[in-house]
Amino acid sequence: MTAFSKFILVFLVSTLVISCTSEPEDNFVLRGSIKGLKKGIVYLQKDGDSSIITIDSMVIKGEPEFQLSTSLEEPMVLYLKLFKNDGEEHFIPFFADLGETYLTTSLDNFNFDVKIKGSEQQAILEEYLKVMSKYNETNLELIKENFLAQKDNDTTRLDSIRIESDRLFKRKYAYTINFALNHSNSEVAPYLALYEIPNTSRKFVDSIYSKLDENIKNSFYGRKLNAVLTAKDSATTK
């Protein structure tokens, strides 16, 4: 074998090794802007086994636009984190899927001015959150009334507020369960069962899981929900 032939062989083997060990190309992009932000760092993050993991980041200098990306194997909730050196944590969760998501918000109201356009799962999640925000507003009103009733030592009103709070709590859980059951063809259903109603009875969680489409059962959150049910069964039999 000539020296040139050996060179070609080594080159081909090296190319093959590099191509086999290279990272997968990013198939998800988060673009957006944060109005009023002149300087800071934005992070794209996801849940790890025991902590939140940063998967991309970008330093903001002067312009509010940003672009972050990663490789997704399947739809899942990611987080946009903003670091602006004020001693507080600023996170925006969103449901990501293959392709592109566009997110806009403001520096002053980072978590409240947010608008997200992207995955089908995000649209479904926002439908759910829109209704839940009304429940949360009612809950804040009850908290305020409870404070005033305590101040006035109005025991009758305190009992009434407690009953109203219990009813509101049950209505929120019932809405979440029904929403998940009615969206059994979306990854949002097992996600809600896992994170919005974690303390509900097993029969309700099982009813959500049982109704899931087969591909959703095999999704990231479907598998996690199944693991939770399995763990509950194991704990019951001990």
C-alpha atoms as a PDB file:
ATOM      1  CA  MET A   1       0.000   0.000   0.000  1.00  0.00           C
ATOM      2  CA  THR A   2       1.412   3.361  -1.029  1.00  0.00           C
ATOM      3  CA  ALA A   3       1.805   6.264   1.405  1.00  0.00           C
ATOM      4  CA  PHE A   4      -0.996   8.131  -0.392  1.00  0.00           C
ATOM      5  CA  SER A   5      -3.336   5.114  -0.095  1.00  0.00           C
ATOM      6  CA  LYS A   6      -2.581   4.891   3.633  1.00  0.00           C
ATOM      7  CA  PHE A   7      -3.376   8.601   3.979  1.00  0.00           C
ATOM      8  CA  ILE A   8      -6.737   8.158   2.224  1.00  0.00           C
ATOM      9  CA  LEU A   9      -7.593   5.170   4.450  1.00  0.00           C
ATOM     10  CA  VAL A  10      -6.764   7.042   7.663  1.00  0.00           C
ATOM     11  CA  PHE A  11      -8.783  10.034   6.460  1.00  0.00           C
ATOM     12  CA  LEU A  12     -11.845   7.910   5.694  1.00  0.00           C
ATOM     13  CA  VAL A  13     -11.694   6.110   9.047  1.00  0.00           C
ATOM     14  CA  SER A  14     -11.296   9.400  10.919  1.00  0.00           C
ATOM     15  CA  THR A  15     -14.255  10.902   9.068  1.00  0.00           C
ATOM     16  CA  LEU A  16     -16.397   7.871   9.902  1.00  0.00           C
ATOM     17  CA  VAL A  17     -15.492   8.032  13.604  1.00  0.00           C
ATOM     18  CA  ILE A  18     -16.283  11.763  13.784  1.00  0.00           C
ATOM     19  CA  SER A  19     -19.624  11.335  12.023  1.00  0.00           C
ATOM     20  CA  CYS A  20     -20.604   8.498  14.364  1.00  0.00           C
ATOM     21  CA  THR A  21     -19.695  10.371  17.537  1.00  0.00           C
ATOM     22  CA  SER A  22     -20.955  13.843  16.630  1.00  0.00           C
ATOM     23  CA  GLU A  23     -23.845  15.386  18.512  1.00  0.00           C
ATOM     24  CA  PRO A  24     -27.287  15.253  16.879  1.00  0.00           C
ATOM     25  CA  GLU A  25     -28.286  18.418  15.064  1.00  0.00           C
ATOM     26  CA  ASP A  26     -30.614  20.790  16.884  1.00  0.00           C
ATOM     27  CA  ASN A  27     -34.206  20.265  15.809  1.00  0.00           C
ATOM     28  CA  PHE A  28     -35.801  22.821  18.129  1.00  0.00           C
ATOM     29  CA  VAL A  29     -35.270  26.583  18.100  1.00  0.00           C
ATOM     30  CA  LEU A  30     -36.581  29.155  20.563  1.00  0.00           C
ATOM     31  CA  ARG A  31     -36.563  32.676  19.169  1.00  0.00           C
ATOM     32  CA  GLY A  32     -37.880  35.764  20.844  1.00  0.00           C
ATOM     33  CA  SER A  33     -37.301  39.090  22.499  1.00  0.00           C
ATOM     34  CA  ILE A  34     -37.514  40.641  25.965  1.00  0.00           C
ATOM     35  CA  LYS A  35     -38.682  44.250  25.759  1.00  0.00           C
ATOM     36  CA  GLY A  36     -36.549  46.576  27.840  1.00  0.00           C
ATOM     37  CA  LEU A  37     -33.671  44.138  28.318  1.00  0.00           C
ATOM     38  CA  LYS A  38     -30.299  45.683  27.487  1.00  0.00           C
ATOM     39  CA  LYS A  39     -27.970  43.365  29.345  1.00  0.00           C
ATOM     40  CA  GLY A  40     -28.352  39.890  30.801  1.00  0.00           C
ATOM     41  CA  ILE A  41     -28.155  36.182  30.095  1.00  0.00           C
ATOM     42  CA  VAL A  42     -30.944  33.925  28.879  1.00  0.00           C
ATOM     43  CA  TYR A  43     -30.853  30.160  29.372  1.00  0.00           C
ATOM     44  CA  LEU A  44     -32.770  27.310  27.789  1.00  0.00           C
ATOM     45  CA  GLN A  45     -33.267  24.637  30.447  1.00  0.00           C
ATOM     46  CA  LYS A  46     -34.981  21.311  31.085  1.00  0.00           C
ATOM     47  CA  ASP A  47     -35.716  19.065  34.046  1.00  0.00           C
ATOM     48  CA  GLY A  48     -32.961  16.627  34.952  1.00  0.00           C
ATOM     49  CA  ASP A  49     -33.126  13.662  37.298  1.00  0.00           C
ATOM     50  CA  SER A  50     -32.643  15.803  40.390  1.00  0.00           C
ATOM     51  CA  SER A  51     -32.112  19.372  39.146  1.00  0.00           C
ATOM     52  CA  ILE A  52     -32.728  21.734  36.246  1.00  0.00           C
ATOM     53  CA  ILE A  53     -30.164  21.409  33.441  1.00  0.00           C
ATOM     54  CA  THR A  54     -29.014  24.232  31.161  1.00  0.00           C
ATOM     55  CA  ILE A  55     -28.927  23.121  27.519  1.00  0.00           C
ATOM     56  CA  ASP A  56     -28.181  26.443  25.801  1.00  0.00           C
ATOM     57  CA  SER A  57     -27.520  30.059  26.735  1.00  0.00           C
ATOM     58  CA  MET A  58     -26.966  33.468  25.185  1.00  0.00           C
ATOM     59  CA  VAL A  59     -25.539  36.735  26.485  1.00  0.00           C
ATOM     60  CA  ILE A  60     -27.765  39.748  25.749  1.00  0.00           C
ATOM     61  CA  LYS A  61     -25.872  42.965  24.982  1.00  0.00           C
ATOM     62  CA  GLY A  62     -27.864  45.922  23.720  1.00  0.00           C
ATOM     63  CA  GLU A  63     -30.477  44.090  21.648  1.00  0.00           C
ATOM     64  CA  PRO A  64     -33.444  42.277  23.263  1.00  0.00           C
ATOM     65  CA  GLU A  65     -33.648  39.489  20.671  1.00  0.00           C
ATOM     66  CA  PHE A  66     -32.371  36.008  21.425  1.00  0.00           C
ATOM     67  CA  GLN A  67     -32.132  32.571  19.839  1.00  0.00           C
ATOM     68  CA  LEU A  68     -31.611  29.306  21.689  1.00  0.00           C
ATOM     69  CA  SER A  69     -31.700  25.759  20.395  1.00  0.00           C
ATOM     70  CA  THR A  70     -31.427  22.104  21.344  1.00  0.00           C
ATOM     71  CA  SER A  71     -32.149  18.599  20.101  1.00  0.00           C
ATOM     72  CA  LEU A  72     -35.471  17.123  21.224  1.00  0.00           C
ATOM     73  CA  GLU A  73     -36.381  13.474  21.029  1.00  0.00           C
ATOM     74  CA  GLU A  74     -40.051  14.204  21.809  1.00  0.00           C
ATOM     75  CA  PRO A  75     -42.319  16.987  23.111  1.00  0.00           C
ATOM     76  CA  MET A  76     -41.527  18.180  26.624  1.00  0.00           C
ATOM     77  CA  VAL A  77     -41.678  21.240  28.860  1.00  0.00           C
ATOM     78  CA  LEU A  78     -38.610  23.490  28.707  1.00  0.00           C
ATOM     79  CA  TYR A  79     -37.797  26.692  30.581  1.00  0.00           C
ATOM     80  CA  LEU A  80     -36.582  30.098  29.512  1.00  0.00           C
ATOM     81  CA  LYS A  81     -34.556  31.517  32.392  1.00  0.00           C
ATOM     82  CA  LEU A  82     -33.426  35.123  32.606  1.00  0.00           C
ATOM     83  CA  PHE A  83     -30.461  36.153  34.727  1.00  0.00           C
ATOM     84  CA  LYS A  84     -30.317  39.897  35.340  1.00  0.00           C
ATOM     85  CA  ASN A  85     -28.282  39.983  38.573  1.00  0.00           C
ATOM     86  CA  ASP A  86     -31.132  41.103  40.833  1.00  0.00           C
ATOM     87  CA  GLY A  87     -31.023  38.189  43.254  1.00  0.00           C
ATOM     88  CA  GLU A  88     -34.256  36.659  41.928  1.00  0.00           C
ATOM     89  CA  GLU A  89     -35.064  33.686  39.695  1.00  0.00           C
ATOM     90  CA  HIS A  90     -37.000  34.398  36.500  1.00  0.00           C
ATOM     91  CA  PHE A  91     -38.448  31.367  34.673  1.00  0.00           C
ATOM     92  CA  ILE A  92     -41.005  30.875  31.911  1.00  0.00           C
ATOM     93  CA  PRO A  93     -42.086  27.261  31.301  1.00  0.00           C
ATOM     94  CA  PHE A  94     -43.427  26.260  27.872  1.00  0.00           C
ATOM     95  CA  PHE A  95     -44.237  23.070  25.977  1.00  0.00           C
ATOM     96  CA  ALA A  96     -41.692  22.522  23.221  1.00  0.00           C
ATOM     97  CA  ASP A  97     -41.910  20.276  20.175  1.00  0.00           C
ATOM     98  CA  LEU A  98     -39.828  19.827  17.040  1.00  0.00           C
ATOM     99  CA  GLY A  99     -39.556  23.015  15.021  1.00  0.00           C
ATOM    100  CA  GLU A 100     -39.639  26.602  16.186  1.00  0.00           C
ATOM    101  CA  THR A 101     -41.272  28.463  19.056  1.00  0.00           C
ATOM    102  CA  TYR A 102     -41.460  32.253  19.300  1.00  0.00           C
ATOM    103  CA  LEU A 103     -41.629  33.893  22.734  1.00  0.00           C
ATOM    104  CA  THR A 104     -41.957  37.556  23.631  1.00  0.00           C
ATOM    105  CA  THR A 105     -42.190  39.229  27.030  1.00  0.00           C
ATOM    106  CA  SER A 106     -40.934  42.293  28.887  1.00  0.00           C
ATOM    107  CA  LEU A 107     -38.220  42.891  31.431  1.00  0.00           C
ATOM    108  CA  ASP A 108     -40.558  44.591  33.928  1.00  0.00           C
ATOM    109  CA  ASN A 109     -43.249  41.878  33.798  1.00  0.00           C
ATOM    110  CA  PHE A 110     -41.237  38.884  32.684  1.00  0.00           C
ATOM    111  CA  ASN A 111     -43.722  36.214  33.771  1.00  0.00           C
ATOM    112  CA  PHE A 112     -46.936  38.126  33.027  1.00  0.00           C
ATOM    113  CA  ASP A 113     -46.385  39.775  29.624  1.00  0.00           C
ATOM    114  CA  VAL A 114     -45.300  36.535  28.009  1.00  0.00           C
ATOM    115  CA  LYS A 115     -46.762  35.483  24.662  1.00  0.00           C
ATOM    116  CA  ILE A 116     -45.789  32.138  23.152  1.00  0.00           C
ATOM    117  CA  LYS A 117     -46.450  30.874  19.644  1.00  0.00           C
ATOM    118  CA  GLY A 118     -45.220  27.405  18.864  1.00  0.00           C
ATOM    119  CA  SER A 119     -46.260  23.843  19.494  1.00  0.00           C
ATOM    120  CA  GLU A 120     -49.734  22.354  19.501  1.00  0.00           C
ATOM    121  CA  GLN A 121     -49.080  21.195  23.061  1.00  0.00           C
ATOM    122  CA  GLN A 122     -48.367  24.787  24.141  1.00  0.00           C
ATOM    123  CA  ALA A 123     -51.682  25.957  22.675  1.00  0.00           C
ATOM    124  CA  ILE A 124     -53.532  23.258  24.649  1.00  0.00           C
ATOM    125  CA  LEU A 125     -51.619  24.096  27.827  1.00  0.00           C
ATOM    126  CA  GLU A 126     -52.499  27.780  27.456  1.00  0.00           C
ATOM    127  CA  GLU A 127     -56.172  26.852  27.081  1.00  0.00           C
ATOM    128  CA  TYR A 128     -55.927  25.090  30.429  1.00  0.00           C
ATOM    129  CA  LEU A 129     -53.954  27.891  32.108  1.00  0.00           C
ATOM    130  CA  LYS A 130     -56.438  30.520  30.949  1.00  0.00           C
ATOM    131  CA  VAL A 131     -59.210  28.850  32.963  1.00  0.00           C
ATOM    132  CA  MET A 132     -56.909  28.135  35.909  1.00  0.00           C
ATOM    133  CA  SER A 133     -55.969  31.814  36.109  1.00  0.00           C
ATOM    134  CA  LYS A 134     -59.616  32.592  36.893  1.00  0.00           C
ATOM    135  CA  TYR A 135     -59.586  30.044  39.708  1.00  0.00           C
ATOM    136  CA  ASN A 136     -56.351  31.569  41.013  1.00  0.00           C
ATOM    137  CA  GLU A 137     -57.840  35.073  40.947  1.00  0.00           C
ATOM    138  CA  THR A 138     -60.794  33.831  42.989  1.00  0.00           C
ATOM    139  CA  ASN A 139     -58.377  32.176  45.408  1.00  0.00           C
ATOM    140  CA  LEU A 140     -56.479  35.448  45.878  1.00  0.00           C
ATOM    141  CA  GLU A 141     -59.759  37.222  46.643  1.00  0.00           C
ATOM    142  CA  LEU A 142     -60.569  34.585  49.266  1.00  0.00           C
ATOM    143  CA  ILE A 143     -57.135  34.998  50.832  1.00  0.00           C
ATOM    144  CA  LYS A 144     -57.709  38.743  51.063  1.00  0.00           C
ATOM    145  CA  GLU A 145     -61.170  38.238  52.578  1.00  0.00           C
ATOM    146  CA  ASN A 146     -59.748  35.722  55.040  1.00  0.00           C
ATOM    147  CA  PHE A 147     -57.147  38.244  56.183  1.00  0.00           C
ATOM    148  CA  LEU A 148     -59.812  40.901  56.762  1.00  0.00           C
ATOM    149  CA  ALA A 149     -62.068  38.437  58.575  1.00  0.00           C
ATOM    150  CA  GLN A 150     -59.219  37.441  60.876  1.00  0.00           C
ATOM    151  CA  LYS A 151     -58.496  41.101  61.536  1.00  0.00           C
ATOM    152  CA  ASP A 152     -62.137  41.679  62.492  1.00  0.00           C
ATOM    153  CA  ASN A 153     -62.316  38.377  64.377  1.00  0.00           C
ATOM    154  CA  ASP A 154     -65.348  37.459  62.261  1.00  0.00           C
ATOM    155  CA  THR A 155     -65.571  33.711  62.935  1.00  0.00           C
ATOM    156  CA  THR A 156     -68.766  33.304  60.915  1.00  0.00           C
ATOM    157  CA  ARG A 157     -67.139  34.783  57.830  1.00  0.00           C
ATOM    158  CA  LEU A 158     -63.971  32.732  58.426  1.00  0.00           C
ATOM    159  CA  ASP A 159     -66.011  29.511  58.397  1.00  0.00           C
ATOM    160  CA  SER A 160     -67.744  30.607  55.214  1.00  0.00           C
ATOM    161  CA  ILE A 161     -64.424  31.420  53.513  1.00  0.00           C
ATOM    162  CA  ARG A 162     -63.018  28.036  54.538  1.00  0.00           C
ATOM    163  CA  ILE A 163     -65.984  26.280  52.933  1.00  0.00           C
ATOM    164  CA  GLU A 164     -65.629  28.403  49.774  1.00  0.00           C
ATOM    165  CA  SER A 165     -61.882  27.633  49.632  1.00  0.00           C
ATOM    166  CA  ASP A 166     -62.502  23.898  49.924  1.00  0.00           C
ATOM    167  CA  ARG A 167     -65.077  24.056  47.142  1.00  0.00           C
ATOM    168  CA  LEU A 168     -62.714  26.050  44.940  1.00  0.00           C
ATOM    169  CA  PHE A 169     -59.915  23.539  45.535  1.00  0.00           C
ATOM    170  CA  LYS A 170     -62.179  20.640  44.535  1.00  0.00           C
ATOM    171  CA  ARG A 171     -63.403  22.503  41.465  1.00  0.00           C
ATOM    172  CA  LYS A 172     -59.803  23.126  40.345  1.00  0.00           C
ATOM    173  CA  TYR A 173     -58.935  19.453  40.733  1.00  0.00           C
ATOM    174  CA  ALA A 174     -62.117  18.374  38.949  1.00  0.00           C
ATOM    175  CA  TYR A 175     -61.433  20.741  36.062  1.00  0.00           C
ATOM    176  CA  THR A 176     -57.866  19.482  35.707  1.00  0.00           C
ATOM    177  CA  ILE A 177     -58.981  15.849  35.697  1.00  0.00           C
ATOM    178  CA  ASN A 178     -61.694  16.495  33.111  1.00  0.00           C
ATOM    179  CA  PHE A 179     -59.351  18.561  30.955  1.00  0.00           C
ATOM    180  CA  ALA A 180     -56.782  15.760  30.953  1.00  0.00           C
ATOM    181  CA  LEU A 181     -59.451  13.171  30.126  1.00  0.00           C
ATOM    182  CA  ASN A 182     -60.703  15.319  27.243  1.00  0.00           C
ATOM    183  CA  HIS A 183     -57.178  15.711  25.814  1.00  0.00           C
ATOM    184  CA  SER A 184     -56.051  12.098  25.963  1.00  0.00           C
ATOM    185  CA  ASN A 185     -54.409  12.479  22.545  1.00  0.00           C
ATOM    186  CA  SER A 186     -51.944  15.103  23.811  1.00  0.00           C
ATOM    187  CA  GLU A 187     -48.811  14.971  25.943  1.00  0.00           C
ATOM    188  CA  VAL A 188     -50.409  17.726  28.031  1.00  0.00           C
ATOM    189  CA  ALA A 189     -52.748  15.179  29.678  1.00  0.00           C
ATOM    190  CA  PRO A 190     -50.082  13.112  31.505  1.00  0.00           C
ATOM    191  CA  TYR A 191     -48.133  16.303  32.236  1.00  0.00           C
ATOM    192  CA  LEU A 192     -51.130  17.778  34.089  1.00  0.00           C
ATOM    193  CA  ALA A 193     -51.712  14.523  35.959  1.00  0.00           C
ATOM    194  CA  LEU A 194     -48.102  14.575  37.132  1.00  0.00           C
ATOM    195  CA  TYR A 195     -47.641  18.212  38.087  1.00  0.00           C
ATOM    196  CA  GLU A 196     -51.041  19.830  38.610  1.00  0.00           C
ATOM    197  CA  ILE A 197     -52.839  17.157  40.652  1.00  0.00           C
ATOM    198  CA  PRO A 198     -50.021  15.100  42.218  1.00  0.00           C
ATOM    199  CA  ASN A 199     -51.953  14.414  45.427  1.00  0.00           C
ATOM    200  CA  THR A 200     -55.227  13.295  43.889  1.00  0.00           C
ATOM    201  CA  SER A 201     -56.450   9.743  44.449  1.00  0.00           C
ATOM    202  CA  ARG A 202     -54.975   6.904  42.428  1.00  0.00           C
ATOM    203  CA  LYS A 203     -58.261   6.091  40.702  1.00  0.00           C
ATOM    204  CA  PHE A 204     -58.387   9.512  39.035  1.00  0.00           C
ATOM    205  CA  VAL A 205     -54.756   9.327  37.911  1.00  0.00           C
ATOM    206  CA  ASP A 206     -55.349   5.794  36.637  1.00  0.00           C
ATOM    207  CA  SER A 207     -58.441   6.923  34.726  1.00  0.00           C
ATOM    208  CA  ILE A 208     -56.365   9.587  32.980  1.00  0.00           C
ATOM    209  CA  TYR A 209     -53.584   7.149  32.123  1.00  0.00           C
ATOM    210  CA  SER A 210     -55.974   4.431  30.941  1.00  0.00           C
ATOM    211  CA  LYS A 211     -57.666   6.801  28.494  1.00  0.00           C
ATOM    212  CA  LEU A 212     -54.418   8.059  26.938  1.00  0.00           C
ATOM    213  CA  ASP A 213     -53.769   7.213  23.301  1.00  0.00           C
ATOM    214  CA  GLU A 214     -51.108   4.526  22.990  1.00  0.00           C
ATOM    215  CA  ASN A 215     -48.509   6.910  21.566  1.00  0.00           C
ATOM    216  CA  ILE A 216     -49.131   9.303  24.461  1.00  0.00           C
ATOM    217  CA  LYS A 217     -48.674   6.466  26.970  1.00  0.00           C
ATOM    218  CA  ASN A 218     -45.271   5.907  25.365  1.00  0.00           C
ATOM    219  CA  SER A 219     -44.366   9.611  25.464  1.00  0.00           C
ATOM    220  CA  PHE A 220     -41.984  11.202  27.986  1.00  0.00           C
ATOM    221  CA  TYR A 221     -44.735  12.212  30.425  1.00  0.00           C
ATOM    222  CA  GLY A 222     -46.788   9.115  29.712  1.00  0.00           C
ATOM    223  CA  ARG A 223     -43.898   6.920  30.819  1.00  0.00           C
ATOM    224  CA  LYS A 224     -43.355   9.056  33.924  1.00  0.00           C
ATOM    225  CA  LEU A 225     -47.034   8.822  34.828  1.00  0.00           C
ATOM    226  CA  ASN A 226     -46.944   5.052  34.432  1.00  0.00           C
ATOM    227  CA  ALA A 227     -43.897   4.924  36.724  1.00  0.00           C
ATOM    228  CA  VAL A 228     -45.794   6.911  39.370  1.00  0.00           C
ATOM    229  CA  LEU A 229     -48.740   4.519  39.187  1.00  0.00           C
ATOM    230  CA  THR A 230     -46.418   1.527  39.416  1.00  0.00           C
ATOM    231  CA  ALA A 231     -44.700   3.044  42.461  1.00  0.00           C
ATOM    232  CA  LYS A 232     -48.070   3.637  44.154  1.00  0.00           C
ATOM    233  CA  ASP A 233     -49.055   0.021  43.488  1.00  0.00           C
ATOM    234  CA  SER A 234     -45.794  -1.216  44.963  1.00  0.00           C
ATOM    235  CA  ALA A 235     -46.238   0.936  48.054  1.00  0.00           C
ATOM    236  CA  THR A 236     -49.783  -0.384  48.537  1.00  0.00           C
ATOM    237  CA  THR A 237     -48.753  -4.056  48.368  1.00  0.00           C
ATOM    238  CA  LYS A 238     -45.958  -3.667  50.955  1.00  0.00           C
END
